C-alpha atoms as a PDB file:
ATOM      1  CA  UNK A   1      30.278  25.532 -10.446  1.00  0.00           C
ATOM      2  CA  UNK A   2      30.333  23.220 -13.456  1.00  0.00           C
ATOM      3  CA  UNK A   3      27.053  21.641 -12.372  1.00  0.00           C
ATOM      4  CA  UNK A   4      25.449  25.059 -12.257  1.00  0.00           C
ATOM      5  CA  UNK A   5      26.438  25.744 -15.869  1.00  0.00           C
ATOM      6  CA  UNK A   6      25.288  22.274 -16.953  1.00  0.00           C
ATOM      7  CA  UNK A   7      21.914  22.880 -15.315  1.00  0.00           C
ATOM      8  CA  UNK A   8      21.586  26.285 -16.969  1.00  0.00           C
ATOM      9  CA  UNK A   9      22.451  24.861 -20.369  1.00  0.00           C
ATOM     10  CA  UNK A  10      19.991  21.955 -20.168  1.00  0.00           C
ATOM     11  CA  UNK A  11      17.282  24.236 -18.773  1.00  0.00           C
ATOM     12  CA  UNK A  12      17.763  26.771 -21.570  1.00  0.00           C
ATOM     13  CA  UNK A  13      17.468  24.039 -24.191  1.00  0.00           C
ATOM     14  CA  UNK A  14      14.411  22.509 -22.520  1.00  0.00           C
ATOM     15  CA  UNK A  15      12.784  25.911 -22.175  1.00  0.00           C
ATOM     16  CA  UNK A  16      13.314  26.640 -25.870  1.00  0.00           C
ATOM     17  CA  UNK A  17      11.913  23.263 -26.897  1.00  0.00           C
ATOM     18  CA  UNK A  18       8.806  23.884 -24.828  1.00  0.00           C
ATOM     19  CA  UNK A  19       8.017  27.544 -25.373  1.00  0.00           C
ATOM     20  CA  UNK A  20       9.622  28.298 -28.717  1.00  0.00           C
ATOM     21  CA  UNK A  21       9.075  25.039 -30.610  1.00  0.00           C
ATOM     22  CA  UNK A  22       6.107  23.662 -28.629  1.00  0.00           C
ATOM     23  CA  UNK A  23       7.904  20.312 -28.302  1.00  0.00           C
ATOM     24  CA  UNK A  24       6.916  19.007 -24.879  1.00  0.00           C
ATOM     25  CA  UNK A  25       8.566  15.601 -25.296  1.00  0.00           C
ATOM     26  CA  UNK A  26      11.940  17.055 -26.277  1.00  0.00           C
ATOM     27  CA  UNK A  27      11.658  19.652 -23.558  1.00  0.00           C
ATOM     28  CA  UNK A  28      10.827  17.109 -20.891  1.00  0.00           C
ATOM     29  CA  UNK A  29      14.081  15.225 -21.465  1.00  0.00           C
ATOM     30  CA  UNK A  30      16.186  18.360 -20.979  1.00  0.00           C
ATOM     31  CA  UNK A  31      14.210  19.570 -17.986  1.00  0.00           C
ATOM     32  CA  UNK A  32      14.506  16.193 -16.265  1.00  0.00           C
ATOM     33  CA  UNK A  33      18.279  16.335 -16.841  1.00  0.00           C
ATOM     34  CA  UNK A  34      18.264  19.805 -15.303  1.00  0.00           C
ATOM     35  CA  UNK A  35      16.703  18.619 -12.047  1.00  0.00           C
ATOM     36  CA  UNK A  36      19.040  15.624 -11.950  1.00  0.00           C
ATOM     37  CA  UNK A  37      22.014  17.972 -12.115  1.00  0.00           C
ATOM     38  CA  UNK A  38      20.474  20.558  -9.778  1.00  0.00           C
ATOM     39  CA  UNK A  39      17.499  19.308  -7.748  1.00  0.00           C
ATOM     40  CA  UNK A  40      16.865  22.858  -6.494  1.00  0.00           C
ATOM     41  CA  UNK A  41      16.297  24.377  -9.962  1.00  0.00           C
ATOM     42  CA  UNK A  42      12.791  25.749  -9.358  1.00  0.00           C
ATOM     43  CA  UNK A  43      12.186  27.012 -12.911  1.00  0.00           C
ATOM     44  CA  UNK A  44      12.746  23.509 -14.314  1.00  0.00           C
ATOM     45  CA  UNK A  45      10.081  22.080 -11.994  1.00  0.00           C
ATOM     46  CA  UNK A  46       7.692  24.872 -13.020  1.00  0.00           C
ATOM     47  CA  UNK A  47       8.230  24.054 -16.706  1.00  0.00           C
ATOM     48  CA  UNK A  48       7.728  20.329 -16.007  1.00  0.00           C
ATOM     49  CA  UNK A  49       4.503  21.222 -14.203  1.00  0.00           C
ATOM     50  CA  UNK A  50       3.378  23.091 -17.303  1.00  0.00           C
ATOM     51  CA  UNK A  51       4.149  20.098 -19.536  1.00  0.00           C
ATOM     52  CA  UNK A  52       2.154  17.682 -17.390  1.00  0.00           C
ATOM     53  CA  UNK A  53      -0.665  20.166 -16.860  1.00  0.00           C
ATOM     54  CA  UNK A  54      -1.111  20.469 -20.620  1.00  0.00           C
ATOM     55  CA  UNK A  55      -0.899  16.692 -21.064  1.00  0.00           C
ATOM     56  CA  UNK A  56      -3.413  16.061 -18.266  1.00  0.00           C
ATOM     57  CA  UNK A  57      -6.170  17.344 -20.541  1.00  0.00           C
ATOM     58  CA  UNK A  58      -5.814  14.080 -22.466  1.00  0.00           C
ATOM     59  CA  UNK A  59      -4.461  11.887 -19.657  1.00  0.00           C
ATOM     60  CA  UNK A  60      -6.012  12.931 -16.328  1.00  0.00           C
ATOM     61  CA  UNK A  61      -3.601  10.687 -14.382  1.00  0.00           C
ATOM     62  CA  UNK A  62      -0.827  13.187 -15.163  1.00  0.00           C
ATOM     63  CA  UNK A  63      -2.300  15.456 -12.503  1.00  0.00           C
ATOM     64  CA  UNK A  64      -0.360  13.313 -10.008  1.00  0.00           C
ATOM     65  CA  UNK A  65       2.845  14.598 -11.618  1.00  0.00           C
ATOM     66  CA  UNK A  66       1.524  18.157 -11.579  1.00  0.00           C
ATOM     67  CA  UNK A  67       0.835  17.917  -7.863  1.00  0.00           C
ATOM     68  CA  UNK A  68       4.235  16.353  -7.145  1.00  0.00           C
ATOM     69  CA  UNK A  69       6.130  19.064  -9.038  1.00  0.00           C
ATOM     70  CA  UNK A  70       4.058  21.835  -7.464  1.00  0.00           C
ATOM     71  CA  UNK A  71       4.829  20.466  -4.007  1.00  0.00           C
ATOM     72  CA  UNK A  72       8.541  20.399  -4.818  1.00  0.00           C
ATOM     73  CA  UNK A  73       8.421  24.014  -5.998  1.00  0.00           C
ATOM     74  CA  UNK A  74       6.488  24.999  -2.888  1.00  0.00           C
ATOM     75  CA  UNK A  75       9.043  23.309  -0.645  1.00  0.00           C
ATOM     76  CA  UNK A  76      11.930  24.989  -2.464  1.00  0.00           C
ATOM     77  CA  UNK A  77      10.263  28.404  -2.629  1.00  0.00           C
ATOM     78  CA  UNK A  78       7.086  28.808  -0.554  1.00  0.00           C
ATOM     79  CA  UNK A  79       6.815  32.446  -1.684  1.00  0.00           C
ATOM     80  CA  UNK A  80       6.233  31.458  -5.335  1.00  0.00           C
ATOM     81  CA  UNK A  81       2.725  32.904  -5.468  1.00  0.00           C
ATOM     82  CA  UNK A  82       1.437  31.249  -8.655  1.00  0.00           C
ATOM     83  CA  UNK A  83       2.448  27.788  -7.499  1.00  0.00           C
ATOM     84  CA  UNK A  84       1.202  28.331  -3.959  1.00  0.00           C
ATOM     85  CA  UNK A  85      -2.228  29.355  -5.235  1.00  0.00           C
ATOM     86  CA  UNK A  86      -2.292  26.612  -7.871  1.00  0.00           C
ATOM     87  CA  UNK A  87      -1.342  23.924  -5.370  1.00  0.00           C
ATOM     88  CA  UNK A  88      -3.972  25.167  -2.934  1.00  0.00           C
ATOM     89  CA  UNK A  89      -6.624  25.058  -5.662  1.00  0.00           C
ATOM     90  CA  UNK A  90      -5.539  21.582  -6.756  1.00  0.00           C
ATOM     91  CA  UNK A  91      -5.703  20.266  -3.194  1.00  0.00           C
ATOM     92  CA  UNK A  92      -9.157  21.801  -2.687  1.00  0.00           C
ATOM     93  CA  UNK A  93     -10.443  20.181  -5.885  1.00  0.00           C
ATOM     94  CA  UNK A  94      -9.142  16.874  -4.617  1.00  0.00           C
ATOM     95  CA  UNK A  95     -11.001  17.434  -1.343  1.00  0.00           C
ATOM     96  CA  UNK A  96      -7.938  17.966   0.852  1.00  0.00           C
ATOM     97  CA  UNK A  97      -9.104  21.260   2.357  1.00  0.00           C
ATOM     98  CA  UNK A  98      -6.834  21.023   5.419  1.00  0.00           C
ATOM     99  CA  UNK A  99      -3.697  20.729   3.291  1.00  0.00           C
ATOM    100  CA  UNK A 100      -4.922  23.481   0.948  1.00  0.00           C
ATOM    101  CA  UNK A 101      -5.214  25.934   3.843  1.00  0.00           C
ATOM    102  CA  UNK A 102      -1.663  25.323   5.103  1.00  0.00           C
END
């Protein structure tokens, strides 16, 4: 139970850093702590995906992180429509049509 509250607290702080203060670096630290405490915290992976997706505009290699986080979210919650569609599109762009159709 304590871990759940720790994860909620670190997620809330990370979320605020990212979406209220537009501080991706500060947010990333809290969100990474969140998934260390609770590796099933889907919303933290989604926020991390957003951070790396924004950063990939300047550093295209960050798309590897985007794909990894999207796959984790998909495995934890395959019904998450936005991630399912985004992952499928990402895989198609990469040329992995078979994986995109699964």
